[in-house]
Each structure stands twice: as structure tokens, then as C-alpha cells.
N, C-alpha and C. Protein backbone atom coordinates (compact mmCIF):
# COMPACT_ATOMS: atom_id res chain seq x y z
N ALA A 1 132.62 -1.94 136.22
CA ALA A 1 132.00 -0.63 136.36
C ALA A 1 130.85 -0.68 137.37
N LEU A 2 130.05 -1.73 137.32
CA LEU A 2 128.95 -1.85 138.28
C LEU A 2 129.47 -2.08 139.70
N GLU A 3 130.52 -2.87 139.81
CA GLU A 3 131.09 -3.12 141.13
C GLU A 3 131.61 -1.83 141.75
N ARG A 4 132.31 -1.02 140.94
CA ARG A 4 132.81 0.28 141.43
C ARG A 4 131.66 1.18 141.84
N LEU A 5 130.57 1.14 141.08
CA LEU A 5 129.39 1.96 141.39
C LEU A 5 128.76 1.52 142.70
N ILE A 6 128.54 0.23 142.86
CA ILE A 6 127.89 -0.29 144.07
C ILE A 6 128.74 -0.04 145.30
N LEU A 7 130.06 -0.17 145.18
CA LEU A 7 130.95 0.06 146.31
C LEU A 7 131.16 1.54 146.63
N GLY A 8 130.65 2.42 145.77
CA GLY A 8 130.78 3.85 145.99
C GLY A 8 132.17 4.38 145.66
N GLU A 9 132.93 3.67 144.82
CA GLU A 9 134.28 4.09 144.46
C GLU A 9 134.31 5.08 143.31
N SER A 10 133.19 5.25 142.62
CA SER A 10 133.13 6.15 141.48
C SER A 10 132.06 7.20 141.70
N PHE A 11 132.38 8.44 141.33
CA PHE A 11 131.38 9.52 141.38
C PHE A 11 130.94 9.91 139.97
N ARG A 12 131.39 9.17 138.95
CA ARG A 12 131.03 9.42 137.55
C ARG A 12 130.44 8.14 136.95
N ALA A 13 129.36 7.66 137.55
CA ALA A 13 128.74 6.42 137.10
C ALA A 13 128.24 6.54 135.66
N GLY A 14 127.70 7.71 135.29
CA GLY A 14 127.22 7.90 133.93
C GLY A 14 128.32 7.70 132.91
N GLU A 15 129.49 8.24 133.21
CA GLU A 15 130.64 8.09 132.30
C GLU A 15 131.12 6.64 132.26
N ASP A 16 131.13 5.99 133.42
CA ASP A 16 131.56 4.59 133.48
C ASP A 16 130.61 3.69 132.67
N LEU A 17 129.32 3.94 132.77
CA LEU A 17 128.34 3.10 132.10
C LEU A 17 128.18 3.47 130.61
N ALA A 18 128.60 4.67 130.23
CA ALA A 18 128.46 5.11 128.83
C ALA A 18 129.28 4.24 127.89
N ALA A 19 130.39 3.71 128.37
CA ALA A 19 131.22 2.85 127.53
C ALA A 19 130.47 1.59 127.11
N PHE A 20 129.43 1.22 127.86
CA PHE A 20 128.62 0.05 127.54
C PHE A 20 127.33 0.43 126.83
N GLY A 21 127.18 1.69 126.48
CA GLY A 21 125.98 2.15 125.79
C GLY A 21 124.79 2.36 126.71
N ILE A 22 125.04 2.45 128.02
CA ILE A 22 123.95 2.60 128.99
C ILE A 22 123.75 4.08 129.29
N ARG A 23 122.55 4.57 129.04
CA ARG A 23 122.22 5.96 129.32
C ARG A 23 121.17 6.08 130.42
N TRP A 24 120.31 5.09 130.56
CA TRP A 24 119.22 5.14 131.52
C TRP A 24 119.38 4.03 132.54
N LEU A 25 119.09 4.33 133.81
CA LEU A 25 119.00 3.32 134.86
C LEU A 25 117.58 3.38 135.38
N ILE A 26 116.86 2.29 135.26
CA ILE A 26 115.48 2.22 135.72
C ILE A 26 115.37 1.01 136.63
N PHE A 27 114.86 1.22 137.83
CA PHE A 27 114.71 0.14 138.79
C PHE A 27 113.24 -0.19 138.94
N LEU A 28 112.91 -1.46 138.89
CA LEU A 28 111.54 -1.89 139.12
C LEU A 28 111.38 -2.09 140.62
N GLY A 29 110.73 -1.17 141.25
CA GLY A 29 110.64 -1.17 142.70
C GLY A 29 111.64 -0.17 143.26
N ASP A 30 111.96 -0.31 144.53
CA ASP A 30 112.91 0.61 145.16
C ASP A 30 114.32 0.34 144.64
N SER A 31 115.08 1.43 144.53
CA SER A 31 116.46 1.31 144.06
C SER A 31 117.32 0.73 145.17
N PRO A 32 118.01 -0.38 144.93
CA PRO A 32 118.85 -0.97 145.98
C PRO A 32 120.10 -0.15 146.28
N ILE A 33 120.46 0.75 145.38
CA ILE A 33 121.67 1.55 145.58
C ILE A 33 121.34 3.04 145.49
N ASP A 34 120.18 3.41 145.99
CA ASP A 34 119.70 4.79 145.89
C ASP A 34 120.67 5.78 146.53
N SER A 35 121.24 5.44 147.68
CA SER A 35 122.15 6.36 148.35
C SER A 35 123.42 6.57 147.53
N VAL A 36 123.87 5.54 146.81
CA VAL A 36 125.06 5.67 145.97
C VAL A 36 124.75 6.53 144.75
N LEU A 37 123.59 6.31 144.14
CA LEU A 37 123.22 7.06 142.93
C LEU A 37 122.96 8.53 143.23
N ALA A 38 122.50 8.84 144.42
CA ALA A 38 122.21 10.23 144.77
C ALA A 38 123.47 11.10 144.76
N GLY A 39 124.63 10.50 144.98
CA GLY A 39 125.87 11.27 145.01
C GLY A 39 126.62 11.32 143.70
N GLN A 40 126.05 10.84 142.63
CA GLN A 40 126.74 10.82 141.34
C GLN A 40 126.69 12.18 140.67
N LEU A 41 127.79 12.55 140.02
CA LEU A 41 127.89 13.86 139.38
C LEU A 41 127.21 13.92 138.02
N ASP A 42 127.08 12.79 137.34
CA ASP A 42 126.54 12.83 135.99
C ASP A 42 125.30 11.94 135.80
N LEU A 43 124.64 11.58 136.89
CA LEU A 43 123.35 10.87 136.82
C LEU A 43 122.29 11.78 137.43
N VAL A 44 121.24 12.03 136.69
CA VAL A 44 120.17 12.92 137.15
C VAL A 44 118.92 12.10 137.43
N PRO A 45 118.38 12.18 138.65
CA PRO A 45 117.13 11.47 138.92
C PRO A 45 115.97 12.17 138.22
N LEU A 46 115.08 11.40 137.63
CA LEU A 46 113.92 11.97 136.93
C LEU A 46 112.71 11.91 137.84
N GLU A 47 112.00 13.00 137.92
CA GLU A 47 110.77 13.05 138.69
C GLU A 47 109.62 12.62 137.81
N GLY A 48 108.69 11.91 138.36
CA GLY A 48 107.50 11.55 137.60
C GLY A 48 107.33 10.06 137.40
N PRO A 49 108.33 9.35 136.86
CA PRO A 49 108.11 7.92 136.66
C PRO A 49 107.87 7.21 137.99
N ALA A 50 107.04 6.17 137.96
CA ALA A 50 106.72 5.44 139.18
C ALA A 50 107.95 4.72 139.74
N ALA A 51 108.81 4.21 138.85
CA ALA A 51 110.01 3.51 139.28
C ALA A 51 111.18 4.49 139.35
N PRO A 52 112.11 4.29 140.29
CA PRO A 52 113.29 5.15 140.33
C PRO A 52 114.03 5.12 138.99
N THR A 53 114.23 6.31 138.40
CA THR A 53 114.82 6.41 137.07
C THR A 53 115.91 7.47 137.08
N TYR A 54 117.04 7.16 136.47
CA TYR A 54 118.16 8.08 136.37
C TYR A 54 118.60 8.15 134.91
N VAL A 55 119.00 9.34 134.47
CA VAL A 55 119.52 9.51 133.11
C VAL A 55 120.95 10.06 133.23
N SER A 56 121.81 9.56 132.36
CA SER A 56 123.20 9.98 132.37
C SER A 56 123.38 11.24 131.53
N GLU A 57 124.12 12.20 132.06
CA GLU A 57 124.46 13.41 131.32
C GLU A 57 125.85 13.31 130.71
N ALA A 58 126.50 12.18 130.87
CA ALA A 58 127.84 11.99 130.32
C ALA A 58 127.77 11.88 128.80
N ALA A 59 128.80 12.34 128.14
CA ALA A 59 128.88 12.21 126.69
C ALA A 59 129.02 10.72 126.35
N HIS A 60 128.20 10.26 125.45
CA HIS A 60 128.26 8.85 125.09
C HIS A 60 129.23 8.65 123.93
N PRO A 61 130.09 7.67 124.04
CA PRO A 61 131.11 7.46 123.02
C PRO A 61 130.51 6.92 121.72
N VAL A 62 131.29 6.96 120.70
CA VAL A 62 130.91 6.37 119.43
C VAL A 62 130.75 4.88 119.65
N ARG A 63 129.74 4.29 119.07
CA ARG A 63 129.44 2.89 119.33
C ARG A 63 130.13 1.94 118.37
N ALA A 64 130.78 2.44 117.32
CA ALA A 64 131.50 1.57 116.38
C ALA A 64 132.83 2.24 116.02
N LEU A 65 133.92 1.55 116.31
CA LEU A 65 135.27 2.08 116.08
C LEU A 65 136.15 1.01 115.45
N THR A 66 137.05 1.44 114.57
CA THR A 66 138.06 0.53 114.06
C THR A 66 139.15 0.40 115.11
N GLY A 67 140.07 -0.52 114.88
CA GLY A 67 141.15 -0.74 115.83
C GLY A 67 142.02 0.48 116.08
N ASP A 68 142.15 1.37 115.07
CA ASP A 68 142.96 2.58 115.24
C ASP A 68 142.14 3.75 115.79
N GLY A 69 140.88 3.52 116.15
CA GLY A 69 140.05 4.56 116.76
C GLY A 69 139.22 5.38 115.80
N THR A 70 139.16 5.00 114.52
CA THR A 70 138.35 5.74 113.55
C THR A 70 136.88 5.40 113.77
N PRO A 71 136.04 6.42 114.02
CA PRO A 71 134.62 6.13 114.27
C PRO A 71 133.85 5.82 112.99
N TRP A 72 132.84 5.01 113.12
CA TRP A 72 131.92 4.71 112.03
C TRP A 72 130.59 5.39 112.35
N VAL A 73 129.87 5.79 111.32
CA VAL A 73 128.63 6.54 111.46
C VAL A 73 127.44 5.58 111.55
N ARG A 74 126.52 5.88 112.44
CA ARG A 74 125.31 5.06 112.61
C ARG A 74 124.37 5.25 111.44
N THR A 75 123.84 4.15 110.92
CA THR A 75 122.81 4.18 109.88
C THR A 75 121.54 3.58 110.48
N VAL A 76 120.52 3.39 109.66
CA VAL A 76 119.25 2.87 110.18
C VAL A 76 119.43 1.49 110.81
N PHE A 77 120.11 0.58 110.11
CA PHE A 77 120.24 -0.79 110.60
C PHE A 77 121.68 -1.18 110.92
N GLY A 78 122.61 -0.26 110.98
CA GLY A 78 123.98 -0.62 111.25
C GLY A 78 124.91 0.58 111.28
N TYR A 79 126.09 0.42 110.67
CA TYR A 79 127.12 1.45 110.68
C TYR A 79 127.82 1.50 109.33
N GLU A 80 128.36 2.67 108.99
CA GLU A 80 129.13 2.84 107.75
C GLU A 80 130.44 3.54 108.08
N GLY A 81 131.46 3.19 107.32
CA GLY A 81 132.76 3.80 107.49
C GLY A 81 133.65 3.49 106.29
N GLU A 82 134.92 3.76 106.45
CA GLU A 82 135.86 3.55 105.36
C GLU A 82 136.15 2.05 105.20
N ALA A 83 136.02 1.56 103.98
CA ALA A 83 136.28 0.14 103.70
C ALA A 83 137.77 -0.16 103.80
N ASP A 84 138.11 -1.21 104.51
CA ASP A 84 139.49 -1.64 104.65
C ASP A 84 139.48 -3.15 104.92
N PRO A 85 139.89 -3.94 103.94
CA PRO A 85 139.83 -5.40 104.10
C PRO A 85 140.63 -5.93 105.29
N ALA A 86 141.65 -5.20 105.70
CA ALA A 86 142.49 -5.67 106.80
C ALA A 86 141.99 -5.23 108.17
N ALA A 87 141.07 -4.28 108.21
CA ALA A 87 140.62 -3.71 109.50
C ALA A 87 139.42 -4.46 110.06
N ARG A 88 139.25 -4.33 111.36
CA ARG A 88 138.08 -4.85 112.06
C ARG A 88 137.43 -3.71 112.81
N VAL A 89 136.12 -3.80 112.99
CA VAL A 89 135.35 -2.76 113.67
C VAL A 89 134.77 -3.34 114.95
N PHE A 90 134.97 -2.65 116.06
CA PHE A 90 134.34 -3.05 117.32
C PHE A 90 133.00 -2.34 117.42
N ILE A 91 131.95 -3.10 117.66
CA ILE A 91 130.60 -2.54 117.79
C ILE A 91 130.17 -2.71 119.24
N ALA A 92 129.89 -1.60 119.90
CA ALA A 92 129.46 -1.62 121.30
C ALA A 92 127.96 -1.85 121.38
N GLU A 93 127.55 -3.02 120.95
CA GLU A 93 126.16 -3.47 121.01
C GLU A 93 126.18 -4.89 121.57
N ARG A 94 125.02 -5.37 121.95
CA ARG A 94 124.92 -6.72 122.48
C ARG A 94 125.51 -7.72 121.49
N ALA A 95 126.35 -8.62 121.99
CA ALA A 95 127.01 -9.59 121.12
C ALA A 95 125.99 -10.50 120.45
N ASN A 96 126.05 -10.57 119.11
CA ASN A 96 125.12 -11.40 118.36
C ASN A 96 125.69 -11.65 116.98
N SER A 97 125.58 -12.88 116.51
CA SER A 97 126.15 -13.26 115.22
C SER A 97 125.42 -12.61 114.04
N ARG A 98 124.26 -11.99 114.26
CA ARG A 98 123.53 -11.38 113.16
C ARG A 98 124.16 -10.06 112.70
N TRP A 99 125.32 -9.68 113.25
CA TRP A 99 126.01 -8.49 112.77
C TRP A 99 126.74 -8.73 111.47
N GLY A 100 126.82 -9.96 111.01
CA GLY A 100 127.39 -10.19 109.68
C GLY A 100 128.47 -11.24 109.63
N ILE A 101 129.03 -11.36 108.43
CA ILE A 101 130.07 -12.36 108.22
C ILE A 101 131.35 -11.92 108.92
N GLU A 102 132.17 -12.89 109.20
CA GLU A 102 133.43 -12.66 109.92
C GLU A 102 133.18 -12.02 111.28
N TRP A 103 132.05 -12.36 111.90
CA TRP A 103 131.69 -11.84 113.22
C TRP A 103 132.43 -12.60 114.30
N GLU A 104 132.88 -11.91 115.32
CA GLU A 104 133.48 -12.53 116.50
C GLU A 104 132.98 -11.79 117.73
N GLN A 105 132.74 -12.54 118.79
CA GLN A 105 132.37 -11.90 120.05
C GLN A 105 133.65 -11.47 120.74
N THR A 106 133.68 -10.20 121.15
CA THR A 106 134.83 -9.65 121.85
C THR A 106 134.34 -9.13 123.20
N GLY A 107 134.55 -9.91 124.23
CA GLY A 107 134.01 -9.53 125.53
C GLY A 107 132.50 -9.49 125.46
N TRP A 108 131.93 -8.36 125.77
CA TRP A 108 130.46 -8.20 125.73
C TRP A 108 129.99 -7.65 124.39
N GLY A 109 130.93 -7.24 123.51
CA GLY A 109 130.57 -6.62 122.24
C GLY A 109 130.86 -7.51 121.04
N ASN A 110 131.03 -6.87 119.89
CA ASN A 110 131.23 -7.56 118.62
C ASN A 110 132.41 -6.97 117.87
N THR A 111 133.08 -7.78 117.09
CA THR A 111 134.00 -7.27 116.08
C THR A 111 133.63 -7.92 114.76
N VAL A 112 133.65 -7.11 113.71
CA VAL A 112 133.34 -7.59 112.36
C VAL A 112 134.35 -7.01 111.38
N SER A 113 134.40 -7.57 110.22
CA SER A 113 135.30 -7.11 109.18
C SER A 113 134.83 -5.76 108.63
N ALA A 114 135.79 -4.89 108.31
CA ALA A 114 135.49 -3.58 107.72
C ALA A 114 135.68 -3.61 106.21
N ALA A 115 135.71 -4.80 105.62
CA ALA A 115 136.03 -4.95 104.20
C ALA A 115 135.06 -4.22 103.27
N THR A 116 133.76 -4.21 103.59
CA THR A 116 132.78 -3.60 102.69
C THR A 116 132.49 -2.14 103.03
N GLY A 117 132.90 -1.68 104.20
CA GLY A 117 132.61 -0.30 104.60
C GLY A 117 131.20 -0.13 105.14
N GLU A 118 130.50 -1.24 105.31
CA GLU A 118 129.12 -1.19 105.80
C GLU A 118 128.85 -2.42 106.67
N ILE A 119 128.22 -2.18 107.81
CA ILE A 119 127.84 -3.26 108.70
C ILE A 119 126.34 -3.11 108.93
N ALA A 120 125.60 -4.18 108.74
CA ALA A 120 124.15 -4.11 108.92
C ALA A 120 123.68 -5.26 109.80
N TRP A 121 122.68 -4.98 110.61
CA TRP A 121 122.04 -5.97 111.47
C TRP A 121 121.10 -6.78 110.59
N ALA A 122 121.29 -8.08 110.54
CA ALA A 122 120.47 -8.94 109.69
C ALA A 122 119.22 -9.38 110.44
N PRO A 123 118.05 -9.17 109.87
CA PRO A 123 116.82 -9.61 110.53
C PRO A 123 116.68 -11.13 110.46
N ILE A 124 115.84 -11.67 111.32
CA ILE A 124 115.50 -13.09 111.24
C ILE A 124 114.42 -13.20 110.16
N GLU A 125 114.76 -13.87 109.06
CA GLU A 125 113.88 -13.88 107.89
C GLU A 125 112.50 -14.46 108.18
N SER A 126 112.41 -15.48 109.01
CA SER A 126 111.09 -16.06 109.28
C SER A 126 110.20 -15.05 110.02
N ARG A 127 110.78 -14.29 110.93
CA ARG A 127 109.99 -13.28 111.64
C ARG A 127 109.60 -12.13 110.72
N ARG A 128 110.50 -11.78 109.82
CA ARG A 128 110.18 -10.72 108.85
C ARG A 128 109.01 -11.17 107.97
N SER A 129 109.07 -12.41 107.50
CA SER A 129 107.98 -12.95 106.67
C SER A 129 106.66 -12.98 107.43
N GLN A 130 106.71 -13.39 108.70
CA GLN A 130 105.50 -13.42 109.52
C GLN A 130 104.91 -12.02 109.68
N ALA A 131 105.76 -11.03 109.86
CA ALA A 131 105.28 -9.65 110.01
C ALA A 131 104.63 -9.16 108.73
N ILE A 132 105.22 -9.48 107.59
CA ILE A 132 104.65 -9.06 106.30
C ILE A 132 103.29 -9.73 106.08
N ILE A 133 103.19 -11.03 106.39
CA ILE A 133 101.92 -11.74 106.24
C ILE A 133 100.87 -11.15 107.18
N ALA A 134 101.25 -10.86 108.41
CA ALA A 134 100.30 -10.27 109.37
C ALA A 134 99.82 -8.91 108.88
N LEU A 135 100.72 -8.11 108.34
CA LEU A 135 100.32 -6.81 107.80
C LEU A 135 99.35 -6.97 106.64
N GLY A 136 99.62 -7.93 105.75
CA GLY A 136 98.72 -8.19 104.63
C GLY A 136 97.35 -8.64 105.10
N LEU A 137 97.30 -9.53 106.09
CA LEU A 137 96.02 -9.99 106.62
C LEU A 137 95.25 -8.84 107.28
N PHE A 138 95.96 -7.99 108.01
CA PHE A 138 95.31 -6.85 108.65
C PHE A 138 94.74 -5.90 107.60
N ALA A 139 95.52 -5.62 106.55
CA ALA A 139 95.03 -4.74 105.48
C ALA A 139 93.82 -5.36 104.81
N GLY A 140 93.85 -6.68 104.58
CA GLY A 140 92.70 -7.37 104.00
C GLY A 140 91.47 -7.27 104.89
N LEU A 141 91.66 -7.41 106.18
CA LEU A 141 90.56 -7.29 107.14
C LEU A 141 89.94 -5.89 107.11
N VAL A 142 90.79 -4.88 107.03
CA VAL A 142 90.30 -3.50 106.96
C VAL A 142 89.48 -3.30 105.69
N VAL A 143 89.96 -3.79 104.56
CA VAL A 143 89.25 -3.64 103.29
C VAL A 143 87.91 -4.38 103.33
N VAL A 144 87.91 -5.63 103.82
CA VAL A 144 86.68 -6.41 103.90
C VAL A 144 85.67 -5.74 104.83
N SER A 145 86.11 -5.24 105.96
CA SER A 145 85.19 -4.57 106.89
C SER A 145 84.63 -3.30 106.28
N TRP A 146 85.46 -2.59 105.54
CA TRP A 146 84.98 -1.36 104.88
C TRP A 146 83.96 -1.69 103.81
N LEU A 147 84.23 -2.73 102.99
CA LEU A 147 83.28 -3.14 101.95
C LEU A 147 81.98 -3.67 102.57
N GLY A 148 82.09 -4.45 103.65
CA GLY A 148 80.90 -4.98 104.32
C GLY A 148 80.05 -3.88 104.91
N ARG A 149 80.65 -2.88 105.45
CA ARG A 149 79.93 -1.75 106.05
C ARG A 149 79.24 -0.93 104.94
N ARG A 150 79.89 -0.82 103.82
CA ARG A 150 79.37 -0.03 102.71
C ARG A 150 78.14 -0.70 102.09
N ARG A 151 78.12 -2.03 102.00
CA ARG A 151 77.00 -2.76 101.41
C ARG A 151 75.78 -2.79 102.33
N ARG A 152 75.96 -2.57 103.56
CA ARG A 152 74.89 -2.61 104.52
C ARG A 152 74.03 -1.43 104.32
């Protein structure tokens, strides 16, 4: 898709990139393909940002589908759909094993089992624990500073 865009073979770059979940193009510095992007039918340049920025007006596809094309609904940390032990769900997100058990990388995306009807992104437990401890320490600091100010 990027090669077709750079070579100027596509006039629907937003639609081509939507399959990968890409809605925004932001260049740090001058856009190396500014002349190509200016002729796109579904990419709109945004005025205001310091860096060249484009937003796609193309309809973005469902990001989680079973093999037969049944879409799954986005939840806070994953997707939900109809449970089927024999089915697999393709997730159009960055490939990562934290999508769950029976995970496989499929090209740039993920496939996981649809057995439970729910797919959730698993956090890194050590980082979650560190965040909870940091929040507790911050709350303790706020309380101590408030008590210290009150006694003064």
C-alpha cells in the first residue's frame, strides 16, 4: 500500500491505509511525498499543526473479524463476539502475544481463538503494579503535604 502511494499509483491512499488501521499521517519535518498526498481523494491536509498532517476520510473497516467475516465489537481492552471454539478472529492491531492464549501472528496482525467470545489485551503485571504503587505514593504525598500545611 505504501509503495503504491509513493509511486502515485493510487488516488485513494486513505482507503488503502485504512485496512491497516491508519487514519492519520503526520510527518516530522517536510513531507517527502507532499506532491503525491496533495492529489489524494480521501486524505485531507490539516491546517495548523507545525508538521504536515493528513487525516483520512475513508471509512475504516472493523478491526476484528472471524474467518467468515463476522465483525466483533470493540470493548475497553479488547473485542467481544459470538463464542465458537472452532473459529479464529483476526485482529487488525500490532502483532503481540499479549492478545491471549492460542495467539498467532498473521502477517502484521494477530489471530486468536474465538472460543470464549471475548478477547482482551493483557497488561504487563509488573508495570501495572508499579503504576499502582506510584499512585499510592503520590496520594500519600498529597495527604502528608496537606496535614503538614494544616499544622503550620
